[in-house]
């Protein structure tokens, strides 16, 4: 029996004061005498919550995997970028790449993680053309030269016969509570038909990110007596909601943070494990 755990996270937005930040992150600056000194950015209260949650989810994954191999996909937007230059940990662009690399170190420190794929995300958050993801990969390769780390826009991975289609951008998660998943399901049906029209075998799993929300949908299609079952997941974030996002989401106040693991045995997805937490960020007070 060949068992592999696929661990998928997305949208960490490192460098933002509401993004993921490893407390061990080491940055460099000059003191008043021109000496190079190392410093560690202080975590904001929301970042303390995110890091504790992130570490718990890594522990959950380790427990799930045991001694079996773990393949990690970080599905884009590792950094905050500079299109919306506010609420940043540091004003220096290079610090965002270092923060992103430190955020991935706990995964790469695991002995049974030998393969990591990083997806290029949104230009507004990665300085264009996947720059953040590419530079982060180069930093990580310097630290972990023996591990298989690559950065791509859109992947089609074969894990022991299971096909995984992964990319950062995908379907909107729904404009209303009762519509959640509709767009994802239609998106998935279209993707399956595109693959069949091309004479391809549809993937078993489709992974997307970007919308900082969790969606899980399935489509089953039977063609010439052959049954295809395809799963789609939109992966949530490890990031809070800033003033721009509050406006863009029309004052969304329910946030879900976390990641998803998939247990793959002999080429089949045996089970899906969403490791996540949902919170209400409204300020609650009694006025009278």
C-alpha atoms as a PDB file:
ATOM      1  CA  UNK A   1       0.000   0.000   0.000  1.00  0.00           C
ATOM      2  CA  UNK A   2       1.370   3.406  -1.012  1.00  0.00           C
ATOM      3  CA  UNK A   3       0.051   6.237   1.154  1.00  0.00           C
ATOM      4  CA  UNK A   4       0.804   9.937   0.574  1.00  0.00           C
ATOM      5  CA  UNK A   5      -0.555  13.038   2.311  1.00  0.00           C
ATOM      6  CA  UNK A   6      -1.088  16.120   0.151  1.00  0.00           C
ATOM      7  CA  UNK A   7      -1.090  19.315   2.248  1.00  0.00           C
ATOM      8  CA  UNK A   8      -2.461  22.477   0.624  1.00  0.00           C
ATOM      9  CA  UNK A   9      -2.452  26.062   1.930  1.00  0.00           C
ATOM     10  CA  UNK A  10      -2.951  29.424   0.239  1.00  0.00           C
ATOM     11  CA  UNK A  11      -3.002  33.207   0.605  1.00  0.00           C
ATOM     12  CA  UNK A  12      -0.614  33.894   3.481  1.00  0.00           C
ATOM     13  CA  UNK A  13       0.085  37.500   2.414  1.00  0.00           C
ATOM     14  CA  UNK A  14       3.408  37.658   4.240  1.00  0.00           C
ATOM     15  CA  UNK A  15       4.578  41.192   4.969  1.00  0.00           C
ATOM     16  CA  UNK A  16       1.103  42.486   5.798  1.00  0.00           C
ATOM     17  CA  UNK A  17       0.322  43.166   9.447  1.00  0.00           C
ATOM     18  CA  UNK A  18      -2.673  40.849   9.139  1.00  0.00           C
ATOM     19  CA  UNK A  19      -0.794  38.187   7.166  1.00  0.00           C
ATOM     20  CA  UNK A  20       1.055  35.112   8.400  1.00  0.00           C
ATOM     21  CA  UNK A  21       4.323  35.840  10.210  1.00  0.00           C
ATOM     22  CA  UNK A  22       6.745  33.297  11.640  1.00  0.00           C
ATOM     23  CA  UNK A  23       8.007  34.737  14.958  1.00  0.00           C
ATOM     24  CA  UNK A  24      11.477  33.356  14.114  1.00  0.00           C
ATOM     25  CA  UNK A  25      11.659  35.500  10.968  1.00  0.00           C
ATOM     26  CA  UNK A  26      15.073  37.163  10.844  1.00  0.00           C
ATOM     27  CA  UNK A  27      15.511  40.428   8.938  1.00  0.00           C
ATOM     28  CA  UNK A  28      18.558  42.668   8.629  1.00  0.00           C
ATOM     29  CA  UNK A  29      19.143  46.404   9.083  1.00  0.00           C
ATOM     30  CA  UNK A  30      21.888  48.866  10.066  1.00  0.00           C
ATOM     31  CA  UNK A  31      22.335  50.449  13.469  1.00  0.00           C
ATOM     32  CA  UNK A  32      23.390  54.064  14.093  1.00  0.00           C
ATOM     33  CA  UNK A  33      27.049  53.137  13.491  1.00  0.00           C
ATOM     34  CA  UNK A  34      26.405  51.325  10.223  1.00  0.00           C
ATOM     35  CA  UNK A  35      26.744  47.852  11.697  1.00  0.00           C
ATOM     36  CA  UNK A  36      24.526  45.151  10.224  1.00  0.00           C
ATOM     37  CA  UNK A  37      22.118  43.892  12.854  1.00  0.00           C
ATOM     38  CA  UNK A  38      19.459  41.211  12.793  1.00  0.00           C
ATOM     39  CA  UNK A  39      15.945  41.905  14.057  1.00  0.00           C
ATOM     40  CA  UNK A  40      12.710  39.980  14.438  1.00  0.00           C
ATOM     41  CA  UNK A  41       9.440  41.726  13.550  1.00  0.00           C
ATOM     42  CA  UNK A  42       6.963  41.737  16.407  1.00  0.00           C
ATOM     43  CA  UNK A  43       3.714  39.875  15.756  1.00  0.00           C
ATOM     44  CA  UNK A  44       0.470  41.834  15.894  1.00  0.00           C
ATOM     45  CA  UNK A  45      -2.335  40.251  17.993  1.00  0.00           C
ATOM     46  CA  UNK A  46      -4.065  38.836  14.893  1.00  0.00           C
ATOM     47  CA  UNK A  47      -0.764  37.400  13.636  1.00  0.00           C
ATOM     48  CA  UNK A  48      -0.254  35.651  16.971  1.00  0.00           C
ATOM     49  CA  UNK A  49      -3.605  33.932  16.460  1.00  0.00           C
ATOM     50  CA  UNK A  50      -2.746  32.995  12.855  1.00  0.00           C
ATOM     51  CA  UNK A  51       0.683  31.563  13.702  1.00  0.00           C
ATOM     52  CA  UNK A  52      -0.642  29.475  16.564  1.00  0.00           C
ATOM     53  CA  UNK A  53      -3.366  28.131  14.255  1.00  0.00           C
ATOM     54  CA  UNK A  54      -0.847  27.494  11.463  1.00  0.00           C
ATOM     55  CA  UNK A  55       1.412  25.500  13.787  1.00  0.00           C
ATOM     56  CA  UNK A  56      -1.539  23.473  15.060  1.00  0.00           C
ATOM     57  CA  UNK A  57      -2.463  22.570  11.497  1.00  0.00           C
ATOM     58  CA  UNK A  58       1.100  21.455  10.758  1.00  0.00           C
ATOM     59  CA  UNK A  59       0.953  19.266  13.875  1.00  0.00           C
ATOM     60  CA  UNK A  60      -2.418  17.885  12.702  1.00  0.00           C
ATOM     61  CA  UNK A  61      -0.840  17.040   9.348  1.00  0.00           C
ATOM     62  CA  UNK A  62       2.172  15.373  11.002  1.00  0.00           C
ATOM     63  CA  UNK A  63      -0.176  13.259  13.109  1.00  0.00           C
ATOM     64  CA  UNK A  64      -2.230  12.326  10.042  1.00  0.00           C
ATOM     65  CA  UNK A  65       0.832  11.404   7.973  1.00  0.00           C
ATOM     66  CA  UNK A  66       2.812   9.496  10.567  1.00  0.00           C
ATOM     67  CA  UNK A  67       5.902   8.304   8.715  1.00  0.00           C
ATOM     68  CA  UNK A  68       4.310   8.557   5.261  1.00  0.00           C
ATOM     69  CA  UNK A  69       5.490  11.225   2.793  1.00  0.00           C
ATOM     70  CA  UNK A  70       3.881  14.679   2.717  1.00  0.00           C
ATOM     71  CA  UNK A  71       3.700  16.718  -0.480  1.00  0.00           C
ATOM     72  CA  UNK A  72       3.071  20.437   0.083  1.00  0.00           C
ATOM     73  CA  UNK A  73       1.348  22.817  -2.325  1.00  0.00           C
ATOM     74  CA  UNK A  74       1.363  26.492  -1.369  1.00  0.00           C
ATOM     75  CA  UNK A  75      -1.269  27.838  -3.722  1.00  0.00           C
ATOM     76  CA  UNK A  76      -0.149  31.417  -4.226  1.00  0.00           C
ATOM     77  CA  UNK A  77      -0.062  34.940  -2.770  1.00  0.00           C
ATOM     78  CA  UNK A  78       2.825  34.268  -0.419  1.00  0.00           C
ATOM     79  CA  UNK A  79       3.319  38.020   0.027  1.00  0.00           C
ATOM     80  CA  UNK A  80       1.206  41.168   0.381  1.00  0.00           C
ATOM     81  CA  UNK A  81       2.758  43.007  -2.577  1.00  0.00           C
ATOM     82  CA  UNK A  82       2.841  46.769  -3.065  1.00  0.00           C
ATOM     83  CA  UNK A  83      -0.349  47.656  -4.953  1.00  0.00           C
ATOM     84  CA  UNK A  84      -2.017  48.425  -1.628  1.00  0.00           C
ATOM     85  CA  UNK A  85       0.976  49.741   0.381  1.00  0.00           C
ATOM     86  CA  UNK A  86      -0.556  50.025   3.817  1.00  0.00           C
ATOM     87  CA  UNK A  87      -0.488  48.101   7.102  1.00  0.00           C
ATOM     88  CA  UNK A  88       2.847  46.489   6.248  1.00  0.00           C
ATOM     89  CA  UNK A  89       5.338  44.859   8.588  1.00  0.00           C
ATOM     90  CA  UNK A  90       8.173  46.661   6.810  1.00  0.00           C
ATOM     91  CA  UNK A  91       8.463  49.202   3.996  1.00  0.00           C
ATOM     92  CA  UNK A  92      11.340  47.295   2.351  1.00  0.00           C
ATOM     93  CA  UNK A  93      10.173  45.035  -0.478  1.00  0.00           C
ATOM     94  CA  UNK A  94      12.862  42.390   0.057  1.00  0.00           C
ATOM     95  CA  UNK A  95      11.601  41.794   3.597  1.00  0.00           C
ATOM     96  CA  UNK A  96       8.382  40.359   2.161  1.00  0.00           C
ATOM     97  CA  UNK A  97      10.322  37.609   0.375  1.00  0.00           C
ATOM     98  CA  UNK A  98      12.209  36.739   3.557  1.00  0.00           C
ATOM     99  CA  UNK A  99       8.948  36.641   5.535  1.00  0.00           C
ATOM    100  CA  UNK A 100       7.367  34.346   2.923  1.00  0.00           C
ATOM    101  CA  UNK A 101      10.355  31.982   3.072  1.00  0.00           C
ATOM    102  CA  UNK A 102      10.311  31.853   6.881  1.00  0.00           C
ATOM    103  CA  UNK A 103       6.591  31.068   6.773  1.00  0.00           C
ATOM    104  CA  UNK A 104       7.371  27.921   4.772  1.00  0.00           C
ATOM    105  CA  UNK A 105      10.292  26.739   6.899  1.00  0.00           C
ATOM    106  CA  UNK A 106       8.207  24.695   9.374  1.00  0.00           C
ATOM    107  CA  UNK A 107       7.002  22.536   6.477  1.00  0.00           C
ATOM    108  CA  UNK A 108      10.438  22.067   4.957  1.00  0.00           C
ATOM    109  CA  UNK A 109      11.939  21.196   8.332  1.00  0.00           C
ATOM    110  CA  UNK A 110       9.798  18.028   8.357  1.00  0.00           C
ATOM    111  CA  UNK A 111      11.795  14.974   7.286  1.00  0.00           C
ATOM    112  CA  UNK A 112       8.896  13.474   5.331  1.00  0.00           C
ATOM    113  CA  UNK A 113       8.397  16.667   3.286  1.00  0.00           C
ATOM    114  CA  UNK A 114      10.662  16.337   0.278  1.00  0.00           C
ATOM    115  CA  UNK A 115       8.479  17.971  -2.406  1.00  0.00           C
ATOM    116  CA  UNK A 116       7.015  21.489  -2.357  1.00  0.00           C
ATOM    117  CA  UNK A 117       5.203  23.269  -5.160  1.00  0.00           C
ATOM    118  CA  UNK A 118       4.524  27.002  -5.032  1.00  0.00           C
ATOM    119  CA  UNK A 119       1.841  28.519  -7.251  1.00  0.00           C
ATOM    120  CA  UNK A 120       2.272  31.999  -8.688  1.00  0.00           C
ATOM    121  CA  UNK A 121      -0.546  34.171  -7.381  1.00  0.00           C
ATOM    122  CA  UNK A 122      -2.000  37.625  -8.028  1.00  0.00           C
ATOM    123  CA  UNK A 123       0.127  40.385  -9.552  1.00  0.00           C
ATOM    124  CA  UNK A 124      -1.118  42.882  -6.971  1.00  0.00           C
ATOM    125  CA  UNK A 125       0.377  40.712  -4.247  1.00  0.00           C
ATOM    126  CA  UNK A 126       3.510  39.254  -5.860  1.00  0.00           C
ATOM    127  CA  UNK A 127       5.019  42.301  -7.612  1.00  0.00           C
ATOM    128  CA  UNK A 128       4.024  40.920 -11.024  1.00  0.00           C
ATOM    129  CA  UNK A 129       4.721  37.755 -12.999  1.00  0.00           C
ATOM    130  CA  UNK A 130       5.037  35.598  -9.893  1.00  0.00           C
ATOM    131  CA  UNK A 131       8.094  37.510  -8.646  1.00  0.00           C
ATOM    132  CA  UNK A 132       7.461  36.861  -4.941  1.00  0.00           C
ATOM    133  CA  UNK A 133       6.966  33.155  -5.454  1.00  0.00           C
ATOM    134  CA  UNK A 134      10.075  32.819  -7.639  1.00  0.00           C
ATOM    135  CA  UNK A 135      12.325  34.730  -5.237  1.00  0.00           C
ATOM    136  CA  UNK A 136      10.916  32.851  -2.235  1.00  0.00           C
ATOM    137  CA  UNK A 137      11.676  29.569  -3.982  1.00  0.00           C
ATOM    138  CA  UNK A 138      15.276  30.665  -4.538  1.00  0.00           C
ATOM    139  CA  UNK A 139      15.684  31.541  -0.855  1.00  0.00           C
ATOM    140  CA  UNK A 140      14.266  28.167   0.150  1.00  0.00           C
ATOM    141  CA  UNK A 141      16.496  26.290  -2.312  1.00  0.00           C
ATOM    142  CA  UNK A 142      19.483  27.957  -0.647  1.00  0.00           C
ATOM    143  CA  UNK A 143      18.346  26.591   2.716  1.00  0.00           C
ATOM    144  CA  UNK A 144      17.077  23.198   1.523  1.00  0.00           C
ATOM    145  CA  UNK A 145      19.182  22.315  -1.507  1.00  0.00           C
ATOM    146  CA  UNK A 146      18.273  18.617  -1.399  1.00  0.00           C
ATOM    147  CA  UNK A 147      14.514  19.168  -1.476  1.00  0.00           C
ATOM    148  CA  UNK A 148      12.384  19.386  -4.617  1.00  0.00           C
ATOM    149  CA  UNK A 149      10.993  22.948  -4.677  1.00  0.00           C
ATOM    150  CA  UNK A 150       9.488  24.483  -7.824  1.00  0.00           C
ATOM    151  CA  UNK A 151       7.281  27.456  -8.718  1.00  0.00           C
ATOM    152  CA  UNK A 152       4.655  27.356 -11.486  1.00  0.00           C
ATOM    153  CA  UNK A 153       1.495  29.152 -12.626  1.00  0.00           C
ATOM    154  CA  UNK A 154      -0.756  26.149 -13.243  1.00  0.00           C
ATOM    155  CA  UNK A 155       0.096  22.569 -12.417  1.00  0.00           C
ATOM    156  CA  UNK A 156      -1.238  19.156 -13.313  1.00  0.00           C
ATOM    157  CA  UNK A 157       0.374  16.785 -10.837  1.00  0.00           C
ATOM    158  CA  UNK A 158       0.249  12.992 -10.914  1.00  0.00           C
ATOM    159  CA  UNK A 159       0.485  11.602  -7.394  1.00  0.00           C
ATOM    160  CA  UNK A 160       0.533   7.814  -7.635  1.00  0.00           C
ATOM    161  CA  UNK A 161      -2.066   7.930 -10.414  1.00  0.00           C
ATOM    162  CA  UNK A 162      -4.232  10.662  -8.838  1.00  0.00           C
ATOM    163  CA  UNK A 163      -4.380  13.755 -11.067  1.00  0.00           C
ATOM    164  CA  UNK A 164      -4.371  17.118  -9.287  1.00  0.00           C
ATOM    165  CA  UNK A 165      -5.060  20.334 -11.213  1.00  0.00           C
ATOM    166  CA  UNK A 166      -3.915  23.331  -9.159  1.00  0.00           C
ATOM    167  CA  UNK A 167      -3.734  27.066  -9.748  1.00  0.00           C
ATOM    168  CA  UNK A 168      -4.300  30.194  -7.675  1.00  0.00           C
ATOM    169  CA  UNK A 169      -7.246  31.754  -9.486  1.00  0.00           C
ATOM    170  CA  UNK A 170     -10.567  29.989  -9.881  1.00  0.00           C
ATOM    171  CA  UNK A 171     -14.279  30.309  -9.208  1.00  0.00           C
ATOM    172  CA  UNK A 172     -15.879  32.935  -6.977  1.00  0.00           C
ATOM    173  CA  UNK A 173     -17.168  31.346  -3.795  1.00  0.00           C
ATOM    174  CA  UNK A 174     -20.659  32.874  -3.913  1.00  0.00           C
ATOM    175  CA  UNK A 175     -22.369  36.233  -3.472  1.00  0.00           C
ATOM    176  CA  UNK A 176     -24.984  34.885  -1.059  1.00  0.00           C
ATOM    177  CA  UNK A 177     -24.928  32.279   1.696  1.00  0.00           C
ATOM    178  CA  UNK A 178     -27.373  30.009  -0.130  1.00  0.00           C
ATOM    179  CA  UNK A 179     -25.460  30.388  -3.418  1.00  0.00           C
ATOM    180  CA  UNK A 180     -22.134  29.250  -1.967  1.00  0.00           C
ATOM    181  CA  UNK A 181     -20.620  26.600  -4.190  1.00  0.00           C
ATOM    182  CA  UNK A 182     -22.819  27.229  -7.253  1.00  0.00           C
ATOM    183  CA  UNK A 183     -20.100  29.018  -9.225  1.00  0.00           C
ATOM    184  CA  UNK A 184     -17.543  26.402  -8.184  1.00  0.00           C
ATOM    185  CA  UNK A 185     -19.797  23.585  -9.360  1.00  0.00           C
ATOM    186  CA  UNK A 186     -20.453  25.220 -12.756  1.00  0.00           C
ATOM    187  CA  UNK A 187     -16.743  25.983 -13.102  1.00  0.00           C
ATOM    188  CA  UNK A 188     -15.932  22.346 -12.373  1.00  0.00           C
ATOM    189  CA  UNK A 189     -18.524  20.990 -14.823  1.00  0.00           C
ATOM    190  CA  UNK A 190     -17.055  23.182 -17.563  1.00  0.00           C
ATOM    191  CA  UNK A 191     -13.488  22.116 -16.744  1.00  0.00           C
ATOM    192  CA  UNK A 192     -14.454  18.432 -16.915  1.00  0.00           C
ATOM    193  CA  UNK A 193     -16.133  18.916 -20.288  1.00  0.00           C
ATOM    194  CA  UNK A 194     -13.108  20.816 -21.618  1.00  0.00           C
ATOM    195  CA  UNK A 195     -10.855  17.903 -20.672  1.00  0.00           C
ATOM    196  CA  UNK A 196     -13.164  15.343 -22.276  1.00  0.00           C
ATOM    197  CA  UNK A 197     -13.425  17.431 -25.459  1.00  0.00           C
ATOM    198  CA  UNK A 198      -9.628  17.424 -25.643  1.00  0.00           C
ATOM    199  CA  UNK A 199      -9.551  13.657 -25.198  1.00  0.00           C
ATOM    200  CA  UNK A 200      -7.979  13.992 -21.767  1.00  0.00           C
ATOM    201  CA  UNK A 201      -8.796  12.209 -18.561  1.00  0.00           C
ATOM    202  CA  UNK A 202     -10.343  14.736 -16.121  1.00  0.00           C
ATOM    203  CA  UNK A 203      -8.355  15.375 -12.946  1.00  0.00           C
ATOM    204  CA  UNK A 204      -9.449  13.762  -9.700  1.00  0.00           C
ATOM    205  CA  UNK A 205      -8.932  16.956  -7.711  1.00  0.00           C
ATOM    206  CA  UNK A 206      -9.030  20.655  -8.635  1.00  0.00           C
ATOM    207  CA  UNK A 207      -7.439  23.154  -6.232  1.00  0.00           C
ATOM    208  CA  UNK A 208      -7.919  26.920  -6.278  1.00  0.00           C
ATOM    209  CA  UNK A 209      -7.395  29.843  -3.875  1.00  0.00           C
ATOM    210  CA  UNK A 210      -7.589  33.653  -3.957  1.00  0.00           C
ATOM    211  CA  UNK A 211     -10.984  34.188  -2.313  1.00  0.00           C
ATOM    212  CA  UNK A 212      -9.908  33.506   1.294  1.00  0.00           C
ATOM    213  CA  UNK A 213     -12.859  31.192   1.755  1.00  0.00           C
ATOM    214  CA  UNK A 214     -13.495  27.443   1.814  1.00  0.00           C
ATOM    215  CA  UNK A 215     -15.633  25.629  -0.743  1.00  0.00           C
ATOM    216  CA  UNK A 216     -15.884  21.903  -1.444  1.00  0.00           C
ATOM    217  CA  UNK A 217     -17.835  20.652  -4.452  1.00  0.00           C
ATOM    218  CA  UNK A 218     -18.079  17.406  -6.445  1.00  0.00           C
ATOM    219  CA  UNK A 219     -19.233  16.622  -9.965  1.00  0.00           C
ATOM    220  CA  UNK A 220     -19.882  13.107 -11.278  1.00  0.00           C
ATOM    221  CA  UNK A 221     -20.038  12.569 -15.030  1.00  0.00           C
ATOM    222  CA  UNK A 222     -20.592   9.280 -16.869  1.00  0.00           C
ATOM    223  CA  UNK A 223     -19.319   9.063 -20.457  1.00  0.00           C
ATOM    224  CA  UNK A 224     -19.626   5.862 -22.507  1.00  0.00           C
ATOM    225  CA  UNK A 225     -20.137   3.870 -19.329  1.00  0.00           C
ATOM    226  CA  UNK A 226     -17.049   5.339 -17.647  1.00  0.00           C
ATOM    227  CA  UNK A 227     -17.657   7.244 -14.412  1.00  0.00           C
ATOM    228  CA  UNK A 228     -15.617  10.304 -13.501  1.00  0.00           C
ATOM    229  CA  UNK A 229     -15.842  11.841 -10.036  1.00  0.00           C
ATOM    230  CA  UNK A 230     -14.010  15.146  -9.641  1.00  0.00           C
ATOM    231  CA  UNK A 231     -13.582  17.145  -6.432  1.00  0.00           C
ATOM    232  CA  UNK A 232     -12.938  20.894  -6.286  1.00  0.00           C
ATOM    233  CA  UNK A 233     -11.709  22.798  -3.263  1.00  0.00           C
ATOM    234  CA  UNK A 234     -11.205  26.528  -2.896  1.00  0.00           C
ATOM    235  CA  UNK A 235      -8.619  26.795  -0.121  1.00  0.00           C
ATOM    236  CA  UNK A 236      -9.018  29.413   2.640  1.00  0.00           C
ATOM    237  CA  UNK A 237      -6.313  31.852   3.734  1.00  0.00           C
ATOM    238  CA  UNK A 238      -3.985  32.539   6.619  1.00  0.00           C
ATOM    239  CA  UNK A 239      -4.703  36.259   6.483  1.00  0.00           C
ATOM    240  CA  UNK A 240      -6.998  38.773   8.143  1.00  0.00           C
ATOM    241  CA  UNK A 241      -9.161  41.379   6.475  1.00  0.00           C
ATOM    242  CA  UNK A 242      -7.824  44.931   6.057  1.00  0.00           C
ATOM    243  CA  UNK A 243      -9.679  48.145   5.226  1.00  0.00           C
ATOM    244  CA  UNK A 244      -9.554  47.534   1.475  1.00  0.00           C
ATOM    245  CA  UNK A 245     -10.816  43.961   1.835  1.00  0.00           C
ATOM    246  CA  UNK A 246     -13.621  45.131   4.108  1.00  0.00           C
ATOM    247  CA  UNK A 247     -14.774  47.430   1.318  1.00  0.00           C
ATOM    248  CA  UNK A 248     -14.301  44.838  -1.446  1.00  0.00           C
ATOM    249  CA  UNK A 249     -16.250  42.181   0.469  1.00  0.00           C
ATOM    250  CA  UNK A 250     -18.991  44.614   1.549  1.00  0.00           C
ATOM    251  CA  UNK A 251     -18.161  44.255   5.233  1.00  0.00           C
ATOM    252  CA  UNK A 252     -17.716  40.517   5.450  1.00  0.00           C
ATOM    253  CA  UNK A 253     -17.234  39.586   9.099  1.00  0.00           C
ATOM    254  CA  UNK A 254     -17.028  35.783   9.047  1.00  0.00           C
ATOM    255  CA  UNK A 255     -13.467  34.611   8.301  1.00  0.00           C
ATOM    256  CA  UNK A 256     -12.227  31.065   7.830  1.00  0.00           C
ATOM    257  CA  UNK A 257      -8.518  30.339   8.161  1.00  0.00           C
ATOM    258  CA  UNK A 258      -6.699  27.099   7.519  1.00  0.00           C
ATOM    259  CA  UNK A 259      -5.627  24.463   5.048  1.00  0.00           C
ATOM    260  CA  UNK A 260      -6.726  21.115   3.633  1.00  0.00           C
ATOM    261  CA  UNK A 261      -5.040  17.704   3.594  1.00  0.00           C
ATOM    262  CA  UNK A 262      -5.831  14.806   1.269  1.00  0.00           C
ATOM    263  CA  UNK A 263      -5.074  11.183   2.067  1.00  0.00           C
ATOM    264  CA  UNK A 264      -4.071   9.438  -1.159  1.00  0.00           C
ATOM    265  CA  UNK A 265      -3.716   5.663  -1.099  1.00  0.00           C
ATOM    266  CA  UNK A 266      -2.754   3.658  -4.193  1.00  0.00           C
ATOM    267  CA  UNK A 267      -3.835   6.443  -6.539  1.00  0.00           C
ATOM    268  CA  UNK A 268      -7.197   7.220  -4.937  1.00  0.00           C
ATOM    269  CA  UNK A 269      -8.251  10.044  -2.622  1.00  0.00           C
ATOM    270  CA  UNK A 270      -9.416   8.148   0.428  1.00  0.00           C
ATOM    271  CA  UNK A 271     -10.438  11.174   2.492  1.00  0.00           C
ATOM    272  CA  UNK A 272     -10.287  14.972   2.785  1.00  0.00           C
ATOM    273  CA  UNK A 273      -9.254  16.695   6.025  1.00  0.00           C
ATOM    274  CA  UNK A 274     -10.069  20.404   6.320  1.00  0.00           C
ATOM    275  CA  UNK A 275      -7.978  21.852   9.150  1.00  0.00           C
ATOM    276  CA  UNK A 276      -9.533  25.257   9.742  1.00  0.00           C
ATOM    277  CA  UNK A 277     -11.242  27.651  12.119  1.00  0.00           C
ATOM    278  CA  UNK A 278     -14.040  30.144  11.497  1.00  0.00           C
ATOM    279  CA  UNK A 279     -14.258  33.366  13.501  1.00  0.00           C
ATOM    280  CA  UNK A 280     -16.566  36.386  13.804  1.00  0.00           C
ATOM    281  CA  UNK A 281     -14.493  39.615  13.750  1.00  0.00           C
ATOM    282  CA  UNK A 282     -17.224  42.097  14.698  1.00  0.00           C
ATOM    283  CA  UNK A 283     -16.538  44.273  17.729  1.00  0.00           C
ATOM    284  CA  UNK A 284     -19.059  43.160  20.301  1.00  0.00           C
ATOM    285  CA  UNK A 285     -20.124  45.568  23.044  1.00  0.00           C
ATOM    286  CA  UNK A 286     -23.133  46.373  25.204  1.00  0.00           C
ATOM    287  CA  UNK A 287     -24.045  50.029  24.864  1.00  0.00           C
ATOM    288  CA  UNK A 288     -26.977  50.218  27.254  1.00  0.00           C
END
